[in-house]
Full PDB file with SEQRES, HELIX, SHEET, SSBOND, CRYST1, ORIGX, SCALE, CONECT and MASTER records, all heavy atoms in Angstrom:
SEQRES   1 A   38  LEU ALA LEU LEU ALA HIS ASP ARG ALA GLU ILE ARG PRO          
SEQRES   2 A   38  THR PHE GLN PHE LEU TYR PRO MET LEU ASP ASP ARG THR          
SEQRES   3 A   38  THR THR ARG THR ASP LEU ASP THR LEU LYS VAL ARG              
HELIX    1 AA1 ALA A    2  ARG A    8  1                                   7    
HELIX    2 AA2 ASP A   24  THR A   27  5                                   4    
CRYST1    1.000    1.000    1.000  90.00  90.00  90.00 P 1           1          
ORIGX1      1.000000  0.000000  0.000000        0.00000                         
ORIGX2      0.000000  1.000000  0.000000        0.00000                         
ORIGX3      0.000000  0.000000  1.000000        0.00000                         
SCALE1      1.000000  0.000000  0.000000        0.00000                         
SCALE2      0.000000  1.000000  0.000000        0.00000                         
SCALE3      0.000000  0.000000  1.000000        0.00000                         
ATOM      1  N   LEU A   1     -16.783-124.471  66.780  1.00  0.00           N  
ATOM      2  CA  LEU A   1     -16.151-124.302  65.476  1.00  0.00           C  
ATOM      3  C   LEU A   1     -15.759-122.844  65.243  1.00  0.00           C  
ATOM      4  O   LEU A   1     -14.679-122.563  64.722  1.00  0.00           O  
ATOM      5  CB  LEU A   1     -17.086-124.777  64.371  1.00  0.00           C  
ATOM      6  CG  LEU A   1     -16.577-124.623  62.947  1.00  0.00           C  
ATOM      7  CD1 LEU A   1     -15.300-125.430  62.742  1.00  0.00           C  
ATOM      8  CD2 LEU A   1     -17.652-125.035  61.960  1.00  0.00           C  
ATOM      9  N   ALA A   2     -16.614-121.916  65.652  1.00  0.00           N  
ATOM     10  CA  ALA A   2     -16.289-120.494  65.507  1.00  0.00           C  
ATOM     11  C   ALA A   2     -15.068-120.129  66.345  1.00  0.00           C  
ATOM     12  O   ALA A   2     -14.201-119.362  65.892  1.00  0.00           O  
ATOM     13  CB  ALA A   2     -17.487-119.645  65.911  1.00  0.00           C  
ATOM     14  N   LEU A   3     -14.979-120.672  67.554  1.00  0.00           N  
ATOM     15  CA  LEU A   3     -13.802-120.410  68.394  1.00  0.00           C  
ATOM     16  C   LEU A   3     -12.540-121.004  67.779  1.00  0.00           C  
ATOM     17  O   LEU A   3     -11.476-120.370  67.785  1.00  0.00           O  
ATOM     18  CB  LEU A   3     -14.026-120.981  69.793  1.00  0.00           C  
ATOM     19  CG  LEU A   3     -15.065-120.264  70.642  1.00  0.00           C  
ATOM     20  CD1 LEU A   3     -15.333-121.049  71.916  1.00  0.00           C  
ATOM     21  CD2 LEU A   3     -14.619-118.857  70.958  1.00  0.00           C  
ATOM     22  N   LEU A   4     -12.643-122.204  67.217  1.00  0.00           N  
ATOM     23  CA  LEU A   4     -11.498-122.831  66.571  1.00  0.00           C  
ATOM     24  C   LEU A   4     -11.049-122.023  65.359  1.00  0.00           C  
ATOM     25  O   LEU A   4      -9.853-121.795  65.164  1.00  0.00           O  
ATOM     26  CB  LEU A   4     -11.847-124.262  66.155  1.00  0.00           C  
ATOM     27  CG  LEU A   4     -10.749-125.055  65.449  1.00  0.00           C  
ATOM     28  CD1 LEU A   4      -9.584-125.315  66.403  1.00  0.00           C  
ATOM     29  CD2 LEU A   4     -11.315-126.358  64.910  1.00  0.00           C  
ATOM     30  N   ALA A   5     -12.011-121.582  64.558  1.00  0.00           N  
ATOM     31  CA  ALA A   5     -11.679-120.769  63.386  1.00  0.00           C  
ATOM     32  C   ALA A   5     -11.008-119.463  63.818  1.00  0.00           C  
ATOM     33  O   ALA A   5     -10.051-119.009  63.181  1.00  0.00           O  
ATOM     34  CB  ALA A   5     -12.941-120.480  62.574  1.00  0.00           C  
ATOM     35  N   HIS A   6     -11.480-118.873  64.884  1.00  0.00           N  
ATOM     36  CA  HIS A   6     -10.870-117.641  65.398  1.00  0.00           C  
ATOM     37  C   HIS A   6      -9.443-117.895  65.864  1.00  0.00           C  
ATOM     38  O   HIS A   6      -8.519-117.141  65.540  1.00  0.00           O  
ATOM     39  CB  HIS A   6     -11.705-117.085  66.549  1.00  0.00           C  
ATOM     40  CG  HIS A   6     -11.081-115.919  67.222  1.00  0.00           C  
ATOM     41  ND1 HIS A   6     -10.242-116.063  68.310  1.00  0.00           N  
ATOM     42  CD2 HIS A   6     -11.143-114.607  66.957  1.00  0.00           C  
ATOM     43  CE1 HIS A   6      -9.818-114.875  68.687  1.00  0.00           C  
ATOM     44  NE2 HIS A   6     -10.362-113.966  67.885  1.00  0.00           N  
ATOM     45  N   ASP A   7      -9.260-118.968  66.630  1.00  0.00           N  
ATOM     46  CA  ASP A   7      -7.941-119.271  67.169  1.00  0.00           C  
ATOM     47  C   ASP A   7      -6.925-119.607  66.080  1.00  0.00           C  
ATOM     48  O   ASP A   7      -5.758-119.239  66.179  1.00  0.00           O  
ATOM     49  CB  ASP A   7      -8.014-120.421  68.177  1.00  0.00           C  
ATOM     50  CG  ASP A   7      -8.748-120.034  69.451  1.00  0.00           C  
ATOM     51  OD1 ASP A   7      -8.986-118.825  69.665  1.00  0.00           O  
ATOM     52  OD2 ASP A   7      -9.100-120.943  70.217  1.00  0.00           O  
ATOM     53  N   ARG A   8      -7.370-120.289  65.044  1.00  0.00           N  
ATOM     54  CA  ARG A   8      -6.452-120.651  63.951  1.00  0.00           C  
ATOM     55  C   ARG A   8      -6.242-119.504  62.968  1.00  0.00           C  
ATOM     56  O   ARG A   8      -5.305-119.542  62.185  1.00  0.00           O  
ATOM     57  CB  ARG A   8      -6.992-121.864  63.195  1.00  0.00           C  
ATOM     58  CG  ARG A   8      -6.914-123.138  63.998  1.00  0.00           C  
ATOM     59  CD  ARG A   8      -7.340-124.298  63.158  1.00  0.00           C  
ATOM     60  NE  ARG A   8      -7.182-125.554  63.870  1.00  0.00           N  
ATOM     61  CZ  ARG A   8      -7.526-126.724  63.376  1.00  0.00           C  
ATOM     62  NH1 ARG A   8      -8.047-126.814  62.168  1.00  0.00           N  
ATOM     63  NH2 ARG A   8      -7.352-127.817  64.083  1.00  0.00           N  
ATOM     64  N   ALA A   9      -7.131-118.540  62.960  1.00  0.00           N  
ATOM     65  CA  ALA A   9      -7.062-117.371  62.064  1.00  0.00           C  
ATOM     66  C   ALA A   9      -7.007-117.784  60.594  1.00  0.00           C  
ATOM     67  O   ALA A   9      -6.410-117.091  59.780  1.00  0.00           O  
ATOM     68  CB  ALA A   9      -5.887-116.482  62.439  1.00  0.00           C  
ATOM     69  N   GLU A  10      -7.628-118.905  60.262  1.00  0.00           N  
ATOM     70  CA  GLU A  10      -7.651-119.357  58.874  1.00  0.00           C  
ATOM     71  C   GLU A  10      -8.825-118.753  58.110  1.00  0.00           C  
ATOM     72  O   GLU A  10      -8.692-118.394  56.950  1.00  0.00           O  
ATOM     73  CB  GLU A  10      -7.720-120.884  58.818  1.00  0.00           C  
ATOM     74  CG  GLU A  10      -6.470-121.554  59.372  1.00  0.00           C  
ATOM     75  CD  GLU A  10      -6.609-123.056  59.465  1.00  0.00           C  
ATOM     76  OE1 GLU A  10      -7.709-123.584  59.215  1.00  0.00           O  
ATOM     77  OE2 GLU A  10      -5.610-123.711  59.804  1.00  0.00           O  
ATOM     78  N   ILE A  11      -9.980-118.727  58.758  1.00  0.00           N  
ATOM     79  CA  ILE A  11     -11.155-118.096  58.164  1.00  0.00           C  
ATOM     80  C   ILE A  11     -11.790-117.210  59.221  1.00  0.00           C  
ATOM     81  O   ILE A  11     -11.540-117.366  60.416  1.00  0.00           O  
ATOM     82  CB  ILE A  11     -12.196-119.124  57.658  1.00  0.00           C  
ATOM     83  CG1 ILE A  11     -12.710-119.978  58.813  1.00  0.00           C  
ATOM     84  CG2 ILE A  11     -11.605-119.973  56.551  1.00  0.00           C  
ATOM     85  CD1 ILE A  11     -13.904-120.808  58.442  1.00  0.00           C  
ATOM     86  N   ARG A  12     -12.604-116.289  58.779  1.00  0.00           N  
ATOM     87  CA  ARG A  12     -13.285-115.381  59.710  1.00  0.00           C  
ATOM     88  C   ARG A  12     -14.793-115.550  59.547  1.00  0.00           C  
ATOM     89  O   ARG A  12     -15.360-115.097  58.548  1.00  0.00           O  
ATOM     90  CB  ARG A  12     -12.875-113.944  59.410  1.00  0.00           C  
ATOM     91  CG  ARG A  12     -13.401-112.978  60.407  1.00  0.00           C  
ATOM     92  CD  ARG A  12     -12.853-111.605  60.145  1.00  0.00           C  
ATOM     93  NE  ARG A  12     -13.441-110.678  61.076  1.00  0.00           N  
ATOM     94  CZ  ARG A  12     -13.225-109.387  61.055  1.00  0.00           C  
ATOM     95  NH1 ARG A  12     -12.432-108.874  60.143  1.00  0.00           N  
ATOM     96  NH2 ARG A  12     -13.795-108.614  61.933  1.00  0.00           N  
ATOM     97  N   PRO A  13     -15.436-116.196  60.497  1.00  0.00           N  
ATOM     98  CA  PRO A  13     -16.889-116.352  60.404  1.00  0.00           C  
ATOM     99  C   PRO A  13     -17.575-114.985  60.390  1.00  0.00           C  
ATOM    100  O   PRO A  13     -17.171-114.059  61.091  1.00  0.00           O  
ATOM    101  CB  PRO A  13     -17.253-117.120  61.672  1.00  0.00           C  
ATOM    102  CG  PRO A  13     -15.989-117.778  62.105  1.00  0.00           C  
ATOM    103  CD  PRO A  13     -14.896-116.860  61.677  1.00  0.00           C  
ATOM    104  N   THR A  14     -18.601-114.864  59.580  1.00  0.00           N  
ATOM    105  CA  THR A  14     -19.320-113.594  59.482  1.00  0.00           C  
ATOM    106  C   THR A  14     -20.680-113.629  60.162  1.00  0.00           C  
ATOM    107  O   THR A  14     -21.254-112.579  60.425  1.00  0.00           O  
ATOM    108  CB  THR A  14     -19.523-113.197  58.011  1.00  0.00           C  
ATOM    109  OG1 THR A  14     -20.229-114.245  57.337  1.00  0.00           O  
ATOM    110  CG2 THR A  14     -18.189-112.967  57.341  1.00  0.00           C  
ATOM    111  N   PHE A  15     -21.198-114.833  60.437  1.00  0.00           N  
ATOM    112  CA  PHE A  15     -22.528-114.910  61.050  1.00  0.00           C  
ATOM    113  C   PHE A  15     -22.669-116.241  61.772  1.00  0.00           C  
ATOM    114  O   PHE A  15     -22.197-117.269  61.300  1.00  0.00           O  
ATOM    115  CB  PHE A  15     -23.614-114.796  59.976  1.00  0.00           C  
ATOM    116  CG  PHE A  15     -25.011-114.849  60.533  1.00  0.00           C  
ATOM    117  CD1 PHE A  15     -25.562-113.744  61.154  1.00  0.00           C  
ATOM    118  CD2 PHE A  15     -25.760-115.998  60.444  1.00  0.00           C  
ATOM    119  CE1 PHE A  15     -26.842-113.794  61.678  1.00  0.00           C  
ATOM    120  CE2 PHE A  15     -27.042-116.056  60.968  1.00  0.00           C  
ATOM    121  CZ  PHE A  15     -27.572-114.946  61.574  1.00  0.00           C  
ATOM    122  N   GLN A  16     -23.322-116.204  62.920  1.00  0.00           N  
ATOM    123  CA  GLN A  16     -23.659-117.423  63.644  1.00  0.00           C  
ATOM    124  C   GLN A  16     -25.148-117.427  63.927  1.00  0.00           C  
ATOM    125  O   GLN A  16     -25.725-116.397  64.288  1.00  0.00           O  
ATOM    126  CB  GLN A  16     -22.944-117.475  64.986  1.00  0.00           C  
ATOM    127  CG  GLN A  16     -21.526-117.923  64.940  1.00  0.00           C  
ATOM    128  CD  GLN A  16     -20.987-118.095  66.347  1.00  0.00           C  
ATOM    129  OE1 GLN A  16     -21.014-117.175  67.153  1.00  0.00           O  
ATOM    130  NE2 GLN A  16     -20.516-119.277  66.639  1.00  0.00           N  
ATOM    131  N   PHE A  17     -25.761-118.582  63.767  1.00  0.00           N  
ATOM    132  CA  PHE A  17     -27.146-118.783  64.187  1.00  0.00           C  
ATOM    133  C   PHE A  17     -27.148-119.988  65.105  1.00  0.00           C  
ATOM    134  O   PHE A  17     -27.146-121.126  64.663  1.00  0.00           O  
ATOM    135  CB  PHE A  17     -28.068-119.012  62.983  1.00  0.00           C  
ATOM    136  CG  PHE A  17     -29.506-119.194  63.392  1.00  0.00           C  
ATOM    137  CD1 PHE A  17     -30.268-118.103  63.784  1.00  0.00           C  
ATOM    138  CD2 PHE A  17     -30.078-120.443  63.403  1.00  0.00           C  
ATOM    139  CE1 PHE A  17     -31.586-118.270  64.183  1.00  0.00           C  
ATOM    140  CE2 PHE A  17     -31.399-120.616  63.805  1.00  0.00           C  
ATOM    141  CZ  PHE A  17     -32.146-119.518  64.184  1.00  0.00           C  
ATOM    142  N   LEU A  18     -27.094-119.714  66.385  1.00  0.00           N  
ATOM    143  CA  LEU A  18     -27.046-120.782  67.383  1.00  0.00           C  
ATOM    144  C   LEU A  18     -28.436-120.985  67.958  1.00  0.00           C  
ATOM    145  O   LEU A  18     -29.073-120.048  68.426  1.00  0.00           O  
ATOM    146  CB  LEU A  18     -26.047-120.424  68.483  1.00  0.00           C  
ATOM    147  CG  LEU A  18     -24.649-120.088  67.997  1.00  0.00           C  
ATOM    148  CD1 LEU A  18     -23.765-119.679  69.154  1.00  0.00           C  
ATOM    149  CD2 LEU A  18     -24.046-121.226  67.219  1.00  0.00           C  
ATOM    150  N   TYR A  19     -28.894-122.188  67.918  1.00  0.00           N  
ATOM    151  CA  TYR A  19     -30.259-122.537  68.317  1.00  0.00           C  
ATOM    152  C   TYR A  19     -30.194-123.674  69.330  1.00  0.00           C  
ATOM    153  O   TYR A  19     -30.594-124.790  69.067  1.00  0.00           O  
ATOM    154  CB  TYR A  19     -31.011-122.912  67.038  1.00  0.00           C  
ATOM    155  CG  TYR A  19     -32.437-123.321  67.171  1.00  0.00           C  
ATOM    156  CD1 TYR A  19     -33.376-122.482  67.736  1.00  0.00           C  
ATOM    157  CD2 TYR A  19     -32.851-124.552  66.696  1.00  0.00           C  
ATOM    158  CE1 TYR A  19     -34.693-122.869  67.832  1.00  0.00           C  
ATOM    159  CE2 TYR A  19     -34.166-124.946  66.788  1.00  0.00           C  
ATOM    160  CZ  TYR A  19     -35.085-124.102  67.352  1.00  0.00           C  
ATOM    161  OH  TYR A  19     -36.391-124.485  67.445  1.00  0.00           O  
ATOM    162  N   PRO A  20     -29.624-123.395  70.514  1.00  0.00           N  
ATOM    163  CA  PRO A  20     -29.482-124.471  71.491  1.00  0.00           C  
ATOM    164  C   PRO A  20     -30.780-124.727  72.254  1.00  0.00           C  
ATOM    165  O   PRO A  20     -31.642-123.863  72.336  1.00  0.00           O  
ATOM    166  CB  PRO A  20     -28.406-123.940  72.432  1.00  0.00           C  
ATOM    167  CG  PRO A  20     -28.597-122.466  72.389  1.00  0.00           C  
ATOM    168  CD  PRO A  20     -29.024-122.152  70.975  1.00  0.00           C  
ATOM    169  N   MET A  21     -30.884-125.894  72.802  1.00  0.00           N  
ATOM    170  CA  MET A  21     -31.995-126.217  73.689  1.00  0.00           C  
ATOM    171  C   MET A  21     -31.561-125.838  75.098  1.00  0.00           C  
ATOM    172  O   MET A  21     -30.694-126.482  75.676  1.00  0.00           O  
ATOM    173  CB  MET A  21     -32.314-127.705  73.607  1.00  0.00           C  
ATOM    174  CG  MET A  21     -33.517-128.106  74.386  1.00  0.00           C  
ATOM    175  SD  MET A  21     -33.843-129.835  74.069  1.00  0.00           S  
ATOM    176  CE  MET A  21     -35.373-130.029  74.918  1.00  0.00           C  
ATOM    177  N   LEU A  22     -32.128-124.776  75.623  1.00  0.00           N  
ATOM    178  CA  LEU A  22     -31.640-124.213  76.876  1.00  0.00           C  
ATOM    179  C   LEU A  22     -32.445-124.618  78.106  1.00  0.00           C  
ATOM    180  O   LEU A  22     -31.906-124.713  79.183  1.00  0.00           O  
ATOM    181  CB  LEU A  22     -31.633-122.687  76.790  1.00  0.00           C  
ATOM    182  CG  LEU A  22     -30.714-122.095  75.737  1.00  0.00           C  
ATOM    183  CD1 LEU A  22     -30.901-120.597  75.678  1.00  0.00           C  
ATOM    184  CD2 LEU A  22     -29.278-122.440  76.032  1.00  0.00           C  
ATOM    185  N   ASP A  23     -33.716-124.803  77.958  1.00  0.00           N  
ATOM    186  CA  ASP A  23     -34.554-124.982  79.138  1.00  0.00           C  
ATOM    187  C   ASP A  23     -35.650-125.994  78.846  1.00  0.00           C  
ATOM    188  O   ASP A  23     -36.521-125.743  78.028  1.00  0.00           O  
ATOM    189  CB  ASP A  23     -35.161-123.644  79.537  1.00  0.00           C  
ATOM    190  CG  ASP A  23     -35.857-123.686  80.881  1.00  0.00           C  
ATOM    191  OD1 ASP A  23     -35.976-124.774  81.463  1.00  0.00           O  
ATOM    192  OD2 ASP A  23     -36.278-122.628  81.340  1.00  0.00           O  
ATOM    193  N   ASP A  24     -35.587-127.130  79.498  1.00  0.00           N  
ATOM    194  CA  ASP A  24     -36.606-128.147  79.265  1.00  0.00           C  
ATOM    195  C   ASP A  24     -37.781-128.045  80.232  1.00  0.00           C  
ATOM    196  O   ASP A  24     -38.686-128.858  80.186  1.00  0.00           O  
ATOM    197  CB  ASP A  24     -35.995-129.545  79.336  1.00  0.00           C  
ATOM    198  CG  ASP A  24     -35.451-129.867  80.717  1.00  0.00           C  
ATOM    199  OD1 ASP A  24     -35.352-128.957  81.558  1.00  0.00           O  
ATOM    200  OD2 ASP A  24     -35.122-131.042  80.955  1.00  0.00           O  
ATOM    201  N   ARG A  25     -37.775-127.029  81.108  1.00  0.00           N  
ATOM    202  CA  ARG A  25     -38.869-126.906  82.080  1.00  0.00           C  
ATOM    203  C   ARG A  25     -40.179-126.501  81.430  1.00  0.00           C  
ATOM    204  O   ARG A  25     -41.231-126.608  82.040  1.00  0.00           O  
ATOM    205  CB  ARG A  25     -38.495-125.899  83.166  1.00  0.00           C  
ATOM    206  CG  ARG A  25     -37.352-126.403  84.047  1.00  0.00           C  
ATOM    207  CD  ARG A  25     -36.934-125.370  85.039  1.00  0.00           C  
ATOM    208  NE  ARG A  25     -36.339-124.256  84.309  1.00  0.00           N  
ATOM    209  CZ  ARG A  25     -35.968-123.113  84.859  1.00  0.00           C  
ATOM    210  NH1 ARG A  25     -36.128-122.914  86.133  1.00  0.00           N  
ATOM    211  NH2 ARG A  25     -35.426-122.156  84.134  1.00  0.00           N  
ATOM    212  N   THR A  26     -40.149-126.040  80.183  1.00  0.00           N  
ATOM    213  CA  THR A  26     -41.391-125.637  79.524  1.00  0.00           C  
ATOM    214  C   THR A  26     -42.199-126.831  79.035  1.00  0.00           C  
ATOM    215  O   THR A  26     -43.311-126.662  78.566  1.00  0.00           O  
ATOM    216  CB  THR A  26     -41.101-124.712  78.330  1.00  0.00           C  
ATOM    217  OG1 THR A  26     -40.315-125.436  77.376  1.00  0.00           O  
ATOM    218  CG2 THR A  26     -40.376-123.469  78.757  1.00  0.00           C  
ATOM    219  N   THR A  27     -41.654-128.028  79.135  1.00  0.00           N  
ATOM    220  CA  THR A  27     -42.369-129.193  78.606  1.00  0.00           C  
ATOM    221  C   THR A  27     -43.656-129.496  79.358  1.00  0.00           C  
ATOM    222  O   THR A  27     -44.598-130.013  78.774  1.00  0.00           O  
ATOM    223  CB  THR A  27     -41.481-130.445  78.634  1.00  0.00           C  
ATOM    224  OG1 THR A  27     -41.080-130.694  79.974  1.00  0.00           O  
ATOM    225  CG2 THR A  27     -40.270-130.280  77.761  1.00  0.00           C  
ATOM    226  N   THR A  28     -43.704-129.179  80.637  1.00  0.00           N  
ATOM    227  CA  THR A  28     -44.887-129.502  81.426  1.00  0.00           C  
ATOM    228  C   THR A  28     -45.738-128.294  81.759  1.00  0.00           C  
ATOM    229  O   THR A  28     -46.804-128.443  82.351  1.00  0.00           O  
ATOM    230  CB  THR A  28     -44.476-130.198  82.739  1.00  0.00           C  
ATOM    231  OG1 THR A  28     -43.591-129.342  83.454  1.00  0.00           O  
ATOM    232  CG2 THR A  28     -43.787-131.523  82.465  1.00  0.00           C  
ATOM    233  N   ARG A  29     -45.299-127.104  81.385  1.00  0.00           N  
ATOM    234  CA  ARG A  29     -46.071-125.900  81.719  1.00  0.00           C  
ATOM    235  C   ARG A  29     -47.224-125.720  80.747  1.00  0.00           C  
ATOM    236  O   ARG A  29     -47.083-125.904  79.545  1.00  0.00           O  
ATOM    237  CB  ARG A  29     -45.169-124.672  81.678  1.00  0.00           C  
ATOM    238  CG  ARG A  29     -44.194-124.663  82.824  1.00  0.00           C  
ATOM    239  CD  ARG A  29     -43.352-123.447  82.834  1.00  0.00           C  
ATOM    240  NE  ARG A  29     -44.162-122.242  82.980  1.00  0.00           N  
ATOM    241  CZ  ARG A  29     -43.652-121.026  82.961  1.00  0.00           C  
ATOM    242  NH1 ARG A  29     -42.367-120.844  82.800  1.00  0.00           N  
ATOM    243  NH2 ARG A  29     -44.424-119.967  83.094  1.00  0.00           N  
ATOM    244  N   THR A  30     -48.367-125.348  81.282  1.00  0.00           N  
ATOM    245  CA  THR A  30     -49.542-125.110  80.444  1.00  0.00           C  
ATOM    246  C   THR A  30     -49.931-123.645  80.416  1.00  0.00           C  
ATOM    247  O   THR A  30     -50.857-123.275  79.716  1.00  0.00           O  
ATOM    248  CB  THR A  30     -50.732-125.937  80.955  1.00  0.00           C  
ATOM    249  OG1 THR A  30     -50.986-125.584  82.325  1.00  0.00           O  
ATOM    250  CG2 THR A  30     -50.443-127.420  80.870  1.00  0.00           C  
ATOM    251  N   ASP A  31     -49.214-122.803  81.174  1.00  0.00           N  
ATOM    252  CA  ASP A  31     -49.585-121.399  81.275  1.00  0.00           C  
ATOM    253  C   ASP A  31     -48.847-120.516  80.268  1.00  0.00           C  
ATOM    254  O   ASP A  31     -49.005-119.303  80.274  1.00  0.00           O  
ATOM    255  CB  ASP A  31     -49.299-120.886  82.693  1.00  0.00           C  
ATOM    256  CG  ASP A  31     -47.829-120.973  83.054  1.00  0.00           C  
ATOM    257  OD1 ASP A  31     -47.178-121.936  82.625  1.00  0.00           O  
ATOM    258  OD2 ASP A  31     -47.347-120.078  83.763  1.00  0.00           O  
ATOM    259  N   LEU A  32     -48.063-121.076  79.368  1.00  0.00           N  
ATOM    260  CA  LEU A  32     -47.281-120.276  78.436  1.00  0.00           C  
ATOM    261  C   LEU A  32     -48.095-119.906  77.203  1.00  0.00           C  
ATOM    262  O   LEU A  32     -48.808-120.733  76.641  1.00  0.00           O  
ATOM    263  CB  LEU A  32     -46.030-121.047  77.999  1.00  0.00           C  
ATOM    264  CG  LEU A  32     -45.051-121.374  79.105  1.00  0.00           C  
ATOM    265  CD1 LEU A  32     -43.925-122.245  78.568  1.00  0.00           C  
ATOM    266  CD2 LEU A  32     -44.480-120.106  79.699  1.00  0.00           C  
ATOM    267  N   ASP A  33     -47.973-118.660  76.784  1.00  0.00           N  
ATOM    268  CA  ASP A  33     -48.600-118.210  75.553  1.00  0.00           C  
ATOM    269  C   ASP A  33     -47.623-118.482  74.407  1.00  0.00           C  
ATOM    270  O   ASP A  33     -46.626-117.796  74.254  1.00  0.00           O  
ATOM    271  CB  ASP A  33     -48.915-116.715  75.645  1.00  0.00           C  
ATOM    272  CG  ASP A  33     -49.521-116.174  74.368  1.00  0.00           C  
ATOM    273  OD1 ASP A  33     -49.978-116.976  73.533  1.00  0.00           O  
ATOM    274  OD2 ASP A  33     -49.542-114.944  74.198  1.00  0.00           O  
ATOM    275  N   THR A  34     -47.906-119.498  73.623  1.00  0.00           N  
ATOM    276  CA  THR A  34     -46.977-119.891  72.566  1.00  0.00           C  
ATOM    277  C   THR A  34     -47.351-119.326  71.196  1.00  0.00           C  
ATOM    278  O   THR A  34     -46.738-119.684  70.200  1.00  0.00           O  
ATOM    279  CB  THR A  34     -46.899-121.425  72.473  1.00  0.00           C  
ATOM    280  OG1 THR A  34     -48.210-121.937  72.218  1.00  0.00           O  
ATOM    281  CG2 THR A  34     -46.346-122.026  73.747  1.00  0.00           C  
ATOM    282  N   LEU A  35     -48.326-118.449  71.130  1.00  0.00           N  
ATOM    283  CA  LEU A  35     -48.708-117.890  69.841  1.00  0.00           C  
ATOM    284  C   LEU A  35     -47.611-117.013  69.241  1.00  0.00           C  
ATOM    285  O   LEU A  35     -47.488-116.918  68.029  1.00  0.00           O  
ATOM    286  CB  LEU A  35     -50.007-117.074  69.973  1.00  0.00           C  
ATOM    287  CG  LEU A  35     -51.254-117.889  70.338  1.00  0.00           C  
ATOM    288  CD1 LEU A  35     -52.442-116.953  70.527  1.00  0.00           C  
ATOM    289  CD2 LEU A  35     -51.542-118.911  69.243  1.00  0.00           C  
ATOM    290  N   LYS A  36     -46.816-116.378  70.081  1.00  0.00           N  
ATOM    291  CA  LYS A  36     -45.774-115.493  69.583  1.00  0.00           C  
ATOM    292  C   LYS A  36     -44.370-116.098  69.698  1.00  0.00           C  
ATOM    293  O   LYS A  36     -43.389-115.424  69.448  1.00  0.00           O  
ATOM    294  CB  LYS A  36     -45.817-114.163  70.338  1.00  0.00           C  
ATOM    295  CG  LYS A  36     -47.107-113.398  70.109  1.00  0.00           C  
ATOM    296  CD  LYS A  36     -47.117-112.098  70.849  1.00  0.00           C  
ATOM    297  CE  LYS A  36     -48.446-111.391  70.623  1.00  0.00           C  
ATOM    298  NZ  LYS A  36     -48.530-110.146  71.356  1.00  0.00           N  
ATOM    299  N   VAL A  37     -44.297-117.372  70.039  1.00  0.00           N  
ATOM    300  CA  VAL A  37     -43.009-118.041  70.141  1.00  0.00           C  
ATOM    301  C   VAL A  37     -42.534-118.381  68.733  1.00  0.00           C  
ATOM    302  O   VAL A  37     -43.261-118.993  67.959  1.00  0.00           O  
ATOM    303  CB  VAL A  37     -43.111-119.322  70.995  1.00  0.00           C  
ATOM    304  CG1 VAL A  37     -41.805-120.094  70.983  1.00  0.00           C  
ATOM    305  CG2 VAL A  37     -43.494-118.963  72.413  1.00  0.00           C  
ATOM    306  N   ARG A  38     -41.297-117.981  68.411  1.00  0.00           N  
ATOM    307  CA  ARG A  38     -40.793-118.211  67.060  1.00  0.00           C  
ATOM    308  C   ARG A  38     -39.852-119.399  66.960  1.00  0.00           C  
ATOM    309  O   ARG A  38     -39.700-119.975  65.905  1.00  0.00           O  
ATOM    310  CB  ARG A  38     -40.042-116.970  66.578  1.00  0.00           C  
ATOM    311  CG  ARG A  38     -40.921-115.786  66.408  1.00  0.00           C  
ATOM    312  CD  ARG A  38     -40.145-114.645  65.857  1.00  0.00           C  
ATOM    313  NE  ARG A  38     -41.008-113.481  65.739  1.00  0.00           N  
ATOM    314  CZ  ARG A  38     -40.697-112.420  65.057  1.00  0.00           C  
ATOM    315  NH1 ARG A  38     -39.541-112.349  64.452  1.00  0.00           N  
ATOM    316  NH2 ARG A  38     -41.525-111.412  64.985  1.00  0.00           N  
TER     317      ARG A  38                                                      
MASTER        0    0    0    2    0    0    0    6  316    1    0    3          
END                                                                             
């Protein structure tokens, strides 16, 4: 949507918060310290 808005030059987005799911390999790991994961 941000790329479309840029290409059409109708509105100018001022902020994006993208929260994609990037890596599913952490589902089975038990060695991760998740206390500081936000």
